[in-house]
Amino acid sequence: MENTPDYRRIYTDLINEKYPEKKEEFKAILSKKNFSILDVITCSNILTGREDKSTFTFNQKHRFFDQQSILEILDYQKKYGYNNAQLARHFKLSRNTIAKWKKRFI
């Protein structure tokens, strides 16, 4: 069993307690079978009223990306034709992190 937080439960509780008016916006995201770090970013952006992922900020030390999330980010790069610097800026990552992921997973 992985040692990762249950983001689905965290966001479900948060929405039920503090943002019940936004339940409908989260219905599709929270009903997904696989809840990835990109879904966490999307949920956070909805709660803060930001739609652009590049404006998402939080403490970099606490970021965690599993293999599935890394592959999703690299697929996003391929889909939109971003270079490493553009992708890093979009997701608030280091260019070196993107390069290491590409070496390891592609």
N, C-alpha and C. Protein backbone atom coordinates (compact mmCIF):
# COMPACT_ATOMS: atom_id res chain seq x y z
N MET A 1 0.84 -1.18 0.00
CA MET A 1 0.00 0.00 0.00
C MET A 1 0.89 1.25 0.00
N GLU A 2 0.53 2.21 -0.82
CA GLU A 2 1.31 3.42 -0.91
C GLU A 2 1.11 4.29 0.32
N ASN A 3 2.10 5.10 0.60
CA ASN A 3 2.04 5.99 1.74
C ASN A 3 1.76 7.41 1.25
N THR A 4 0.63 7.58 0.56
CA THR A 4 0.25 8.89 0.04
C THR A 4 -1.07 9.32 0.66
N PRO A 5 -1.30 10.60 0.76
CA PRO A 5 -2.58 11.07 1.32
C PRO A 5 -3.76 10.68 0.44
N ASP A 6 -4.89 10.51 1.04
CA ASP A 6 -6.13 10.22 0.30
C ASP A 6 -6.74 11.57 -0.09
N TYR A 7 -6.29 12.10 -1.22
CA TYR A 7 -6.73 13.43 -1.65
C TYR A 7 -8.23 13.47 -1.91
N ARG A 8 -8.78 12.40 -2.41
CA ARG A 8 -10.21 12.37 -2.68
C ARG A 8 -11.00 12.63 -1.40
N ARG A 9 -10.62 11.95 -0.34
CA ARG A 9 -11.30 12.13 0.94
C ARG A 9 -11.06 13.53 1.50
N ILE A 10 -9.86 14.02 1.38
CA ILE A 10 -9.53 15.35 1.88
C ILE A 10 -10.39 16.40 1.19
N TYR A 11 -10.42 16.36 -0.15
CA TYR A 11 -11.20 17.36 -0.88
C TYR A 11 -12.70 17.17 -0.69
N THR A 12 -13.16 15.94 -0.58
CA THR A 12 -14.58 15.70 -0.34
C THR A 12 -14.99 16.32 1.00
N ASP A 13 -14.21 16.07 2.05
CA ASP A 13 -14.52 16.64 3.36
C ASP A 13 -14.45 18.16 3.34
N LEU A 14 -13.43 18.69 2.70
CA LEU A 14 -13.25 20.14 2.62
C LEU A 14 -14.43 20.80 1.91
N ILE A 15 -14.85 20.21 0.81
CA ILE A 15 -15.97 20.76 0.04
C ILE A 15 -17.27 20.66 0.83
N ASN A 16 -17.51 19.52 1.46
CA ASN A 16 -18.74 19.34 2.23
C ASN A 16 -18.83 20.31 3.41
N GLU A 17 -17.70 20.58 4.06
CA GLU A 17 -17.71 21.43 5.24
C GLU A 17 -17.65 22.93 4.92
N LYS A 18 -16.78 23.32 3.99
CA LYS A 18 -16.55 24.74 3.77
C LYS A 18 -17.11 25.31 2.47
N TYR A 19 -17.29 24.46 1.46
CA TYR A 19 -17.73 24.95 0.14
C TYR A 19 -18.87 24.10 -0.43
N PRO A 20 -19.97 23.92 0.31
CA PRO A 20 -21.04 23.06 -0.21
C PRO A 20 -21.65 23.60 -1.51
N GLU A 21 -21.54 24.88 -1.76
CA GLU A 21 -22.08 25.46 -2.99
C GLU A 21 -21.27 25.07 -4.23
N LYS A 22 -20.07 24.55 -4.04
CA LYS A 22 -19.21 24.17 -5.17
C LYS A 22 -19.22 22.66 -5.44
N LYS A 23 -20.11 21.92 -4.80
CA LYS A 23 -20.16 20.47 -4.96
C LYS A 23 -20.30 20.05 -6.42
N GLU A 24 -21.14 20.75 -7.15
CA GLU A 24 -21.41 20.39 -8.54
C GLU A 24 -20.16 20.52 -9.41
N GLU A 25 -19.32 21.51 -9.12
CA GLU A 25 -18.09 21.72 -9.90
C GLU A 25 -17.11 20.56 -9.71
N PHE A 26 -17.16 19.93 -8.55
CA PHE A 26 -16.20 18.87 -8.22
C PHE A 26 -16.74 17.47 -8.50
N LYS A 27 -17.99 17.37 -8.86
CA LYS A 27 -18.61 16.07 -9.02
C LYS A 27 -17.84 15.17 -9.99
N ALA A 28 -17.49 15.69 -11.16
CA ALA A 28 -16.79 14.89 -12.17
C ALA A 28 -15.38 14.52 -11.71
N ILE A 29 -14.70 15.45 -11.10
CA ILE A 29 -13.31 15.19 -10.67
C ILE A 29 -13.26 14.16 -9.56
N LEU A 30 -14.11 14.33 -8.56
CA LEU A 30 -14.08 13.43 -7.41
C LEU A 30 -14.66 12.05 -7.71
N SER A 31 -15.39 11.92 -8.81
CA SER A 31 -15.95 10.61 -9.16
C SER A 31 -15.00 9.76 -10.00
N LYS A 32 -13.84 10.32 -10.35
CA LYS A 32 -12.85 9.56 -11.12
C LYS A 32 -12.34 8.38 -10.30
N LYS A 33 -12.05 7.30 -11.00
CA LYS A 33 -11.52 6.11 -10.33
C LYS A 33 -10.08 6.37 -9.84
N ASN A 34 -9.27 6.95 -10.71
CA ASN A 34 -7.89 7.26 -10.34
C ASN A 34 -7.76 8.76 -10.12
N PHE A 35 -7.39 9.15 -8.92
CA PHE A 35 -7.27 10.55 -8.54
C PHE A 35 -5.79 10.89 -8.51
N SER A 36 -5.32 11.65 -9.50
CA SER A 36 -3.89 11.94 -9.62
C SER A 36 -3.54 13.31 -9.05
N ILE A 37 -2.27 13.60 -9.04
CA ILE A 37 -1.80 14.90 -8.55
C ILE A 37 -2.33 16.03 -9.44
N LEU A 38 -2.55 15.77 -10.71
CA LEU A 38 -3.12 16.79 -11.60
C LEU A 38 -4.55 17.11 -11.20
N ASP A 39 -5.28 16.12 -10.70
CA ASP A 39 -6.62 16.37 -10.19
C ASP A 39 -6.57 17.21 -8.91
N VAL A 40 -5.56 16.99 -8.10
CA VAL A 40 -5.37 17.79 -6.89
C VAL A 40 -5.13 19.25 -7.28
N ILE A 41 -4.30 19.47 -8.29
CA ILE A 41 -4.03 20.82 -8.76
C ILE A 41 -5.31 21.46 -9.28
N THR A 42 -6.09 20.71 -10.04
CA THR A 42 -7.35 21.22 -10.58
C THR A 42 -8.31 21.59 -9.45
N CYS A 43 -8.44 20.72 -8.46
CA CYS A 43 -9.33 21.01 -7.32
C CYS A 43 -8.89 22.26 -6.58
N SER A 44 -7.61 22.37 -6.36
CA SER A 44 -7.09 23.55 -5.66
C SER A 44 -7.36 24.82 -6.45
N ASN A 45 -7.20 24.74 -7.76
CA ASN A 45 -7.46 25.91 -8.61
C ASN A 45 -8.93 26.31 -8.58
N ILE A 46 -9.82 25.34 -8.55
CA ILE A 46 -11.25 25.64 -8.48
C ILE A 46 -11.57 26.32 -7.15
N LEU A 47 -11.00 25.80 -6.07
CA LEU A 47 -11.27 26.38 -4.75
C LEU A 47 -10.73 27.80 -4.62
N THR A 48 -9.59 28.05 -5.23
CA THR A 48 -9.01 29.39 -5.11
C THR A 48 -9.51 30.33 -6.19
N GLY A 49 -10.31 29.81 -7.11
CA GLY A 49 -10.85 30.66 -8.17
C GLY A 49 -9.91 30.86 -9.33
N ARG A 50 -8.83 30.10 -9.37
CA ARG A 50 -7.85 30.20 -10.46
C ARG A 50 -8.10 29.07 -11.43
N GLU A 51 -8.11 29.40 -12.70
CA GLU A 51 -8.32 28.36 -13.70
C GLU A 51 -7.03 27.93 -14.37
N ASP A 52 -6.03 28.77 -14.32
CA ASP A 52 -4.76 28.47 -14.98
C ASP A 52 -3.85 27.72 -14.02
N LYS A 53 -3.38 26.54 -14.41
CA LYS A 53 -2.52 25.74 -13.54
C LYS A 53 -1.21 26.45 -13.22
N SER A 54 -0.77 27.33 -14.10
CA SER A 54 0.51 27.99 -13.87
C SER A 54 0.46 28.95 -12.69
N THR A 55 -0.72 29.33 -12.22
CA THR A 55 -0.82 30.23 -11.09
C THR A 55 -0.90 29.48 -9.77
N PHE A 56 -0.89 28.16 -9.84
CA PHE A 56 -0.99 27.33 -8.64
C PHE A 56 0.32 27.39 -7.87
N THR A 57 0.26 27.82 -6.63
CA THR A 57 1.47 27.91 -5.84
C THR A 57 1.28 27.25 -4.48
N PHE A 58 2.26 26.56 -4.06
CA PHE A 58 2.33 26.05 -2.70
C PHE A 58 3.78 25.65 -2.45
N ASN A 59 4.07 25.25 -1.25
CA ASN A 59 5.43 24.96 -0.85
C ASN A 59 6.00 23.81 -1.68
N GLN A 60 7.07 24.09 -2.41
CA GLN A 60 7.67 23.10 -3.30
C GLN A 60 8.17 21.86 -2.56
N LYS A 61 8.57 22.01 -1.32
CA LYS A 61 9.10 20.88 -0.56
C LYS A 61 8.06 19.79 -0.34
N HIS A 62 6.80 20.14 -0.38
CA HIS A 62 5.74 19.20 -0.06
C HIS A 62 5.11 18.57 -1.30
N ARG A 63 5.68 18.82 -2.46
CA ARG A 63 5.14 18.25 -3.68
C ARG A 63 5.57 16.80 -3.81
N PHE A 64 4.65 16.00 -4.28
CA PHE A 64 4.94 14.58 -4.49
C PHE A 64 4.29 14.17 -5.80
N PHE A 65 5.07 13.55 -6.67
CA PHE A 65 4.55 13.07 -7.94
C PHE A 65 4.83 11.58 -8.05
N ASP A 66 3.79 10.80 -8.20
CA ASP A 66 3.99 9.38 -8.43
C ASP A 66 4.26 9.16 -9.92
N GLN A 67 4.58 7.95 -10.28
CA GLN A 67 4.95 7.65 -11.67
C GLN A 67 3.82 7.99 -12.63
N GLN A 68 2.60 7.70 -12.26
CA GLN A 68 1.46 7.99 -13.12
C GLN A 68 1.34 9.50 -13.37
N SER A 69 1.52 10.30 -12.34
CA SER A 69 1.44 11.76 -12.49
C SER A 69 2.56 12.30 -13.36
N ILE A 70 3.74 11.74 -13.19
CA ILE A 70 4.88 12.17 -14.00
C ILE A 70 4.61 11.87 -15.48
N LEU A 71 4.10 10.68 -15.75
CA LEU A 71 3.80 10.32 -17.13
C LEU A 71 2.69 11.20 -17.71
N GLU A 72 1.71 11.58 -16.89
CA GLU A 72 0.65 12.49 -17.34
C GLU A 72 1.23 13.85 -17.70
N ILE A 73 2.15 14.34 -16.89
CA ILE A 73 2.79 15.63 -17.15
C ILE A 73 3.61 15.56 -18.44
N LEU A 74 4.34 14.47 -18.62
CA LEU A 74 5.14 14.33 -19.84
C LEU A 74 4.24 14.16 -21.07
N ASP A 75 3.10 13.51 -20.92
CA ASP A 75 2.13 13.43 -22.02
C ASP A 75 1.56 14.80 -22.34
N TYR A 76 1.33 15.59 -21.30
CA TYR A 76 0.84 16.96 -21.49
C TYR A 76 1.85 17.75 -22.32
N GLN A 77 3.13 17.56 -22.03
CA GLN A 77 4.18 18.23 -22.79
C GLN A 77 4.11 17.84 -24.25
N LYS A 78 3.97 16.56 -24.51
CA LYS A 78 3.90 16.06 -25.88
C LYS A 78 2.65 16.58 -26.59
N LYS A 79 1.53 16.58 -25.89
CA LYS A 79 0.25 17.00 -26.47
C LYS A 79 0.28 18.46 -26.91
N TYR A 80 0.86 19.33 -26.09
CA TYR A 80 0.86 20.76 -26.38
C TYR A 80 2.17 21.26 -26.99
N GLY A 81 3.13 20.36 -27.21
CA GLY A 81 4.37 20.73 -27.87
C GLY A 81 5.25 21.65 -27.05
N TYR A 82 5.19 21.53 -25.73
CA TYR A 82 6.00 22.37 -24.85
C TYR A 82 7.43 21.85 -24.81
N ASN A 83 8.39 22.76 -24.67
CA ASN A 83 9.75 22.33 -24.37
C ASN A 83 9.86 22.21 -22.85
N ASN A 84 11.00 21.77 -22.36
CA ASN A 84 11.15 21.55 -20.91
C ASN A 84 10.93 22.82 -20.10
N ALA A 85 11.43 23.94 -20.59
CA ALA A 85 11.29 25.20 -19.86
C ALA A 85 9.83 25.64 -19.78
N GLN A 86 9.09 25.50 -20.87
CA GLN A 86 7.68 25.88 -20.88
C GLN A 86 6.86 24.98 -19.95
N LEU A 87 7.15 23.69 -20.00
CA LEU A 87 6.44 22.75 -19.13
C LEU A 87 6.76 23.04 -17.67
N ALA A 88 8.01 23.29 -17.37
CA ALA A 88 8.42 23.59 -16.01
C ALA A 88 7.71 24.85 -15.49
N ARG A 89 7.62 25.86 -16.32
CA ARG A 89 6.93 27.09 -15.94
C ARG A 89 5.45 26.85 -15.72
N HIS A 90 4.86 26.04 -16.59
CA HIS A 90 3.42 25.77 -16.51
C HIS A 90 3.05 25.08 -15.20
N PHE A 91 3.85 24.10 -14.79
CA PHE A 91 3.56 23.33 -13.58
C PHE A 91 4.37 23.76 -12.37
N LYS A 92 5.09 24.86 -12.49
CA LYS A 92 5.92 25.38 -11.39
C LYS A 92 6.92 24.32 -10.90
N LEU A 93 7.67 23.80 -11.85
CA LEU A 93 8.70 22.80 -11.56
C LEU A 93 10.05 23.32 -12.02
N SER A 94 11.07 22.57 -11.75
CA SER A 94 12.41 22.88 -12.24
C SER A 94 12.62 22.23 -13.60
N ARG A 95 13.35 22.92 -14.48
CA ARG A 95 13.69 22.31 -15.78
C ARG A 95 14.50 21.04 -15.56
N ASN A 96 15.35 21.05 -14.54
CA ASN A 96 16.16 19.87 -14.25
C ASN A 96 15.28 18.68 -13.83
N THR A 97 14.21 18.96 -13.12
CA THR A 97 13.29 17.90 -12.73
C THR A 97 12.66 17.26 -13.96
N ILE A 98 12.23 18.09 -14.91
CA ILE A 98 11.63 17.58 -16.14
C ILE A 98 12.64 16.74 -16.90
N ALA A 99 13.87 17.22 -16.99
CA ALA A 99 14.92 16.47 -17.71
C ALA A 99 15.19 15.12 -17.05
N LYS A 100 15.23 15.10 -15.71
CA LYS A 100 15.46 13.84 -15.01
C LYS A 100 14.30 12.86 -15.22
N TRP A 101 13.09 13.39 -15.21
CA TRP A 101 11.92 12.53 -15.46
C TRP A 101 11.98 11.93 -16.85
N LYS A 102 12.37 12.74 -17.82
CA LYS A 102 12.44 12.25 -19.20
C LYS A 102 13.50 11.17 -19.35
N LYS A 103 14.63 11.33 -18.68
CA LYS A 103 15.68 10.32 -18.73
C LYS A 103 15.22 9.02 -18.08
N ARG A 104 14.50 9.16 -16.99
CA ARG A 104 14.08 7.99 -16.23
C ARG A 104 12.89 7.26 -16.85
N PHE A 105 11.92 7.99 -17.38
CA PHE A 105 10.67 7.38 -17.78
C PHE A 105 10.45 7.29 -19.29
N ILE A 106 11.28 7.94 -20.07
CA ILE A 106 11.09 7.88 -21.53
C ILE A 106 12.31 7.27 -22.18
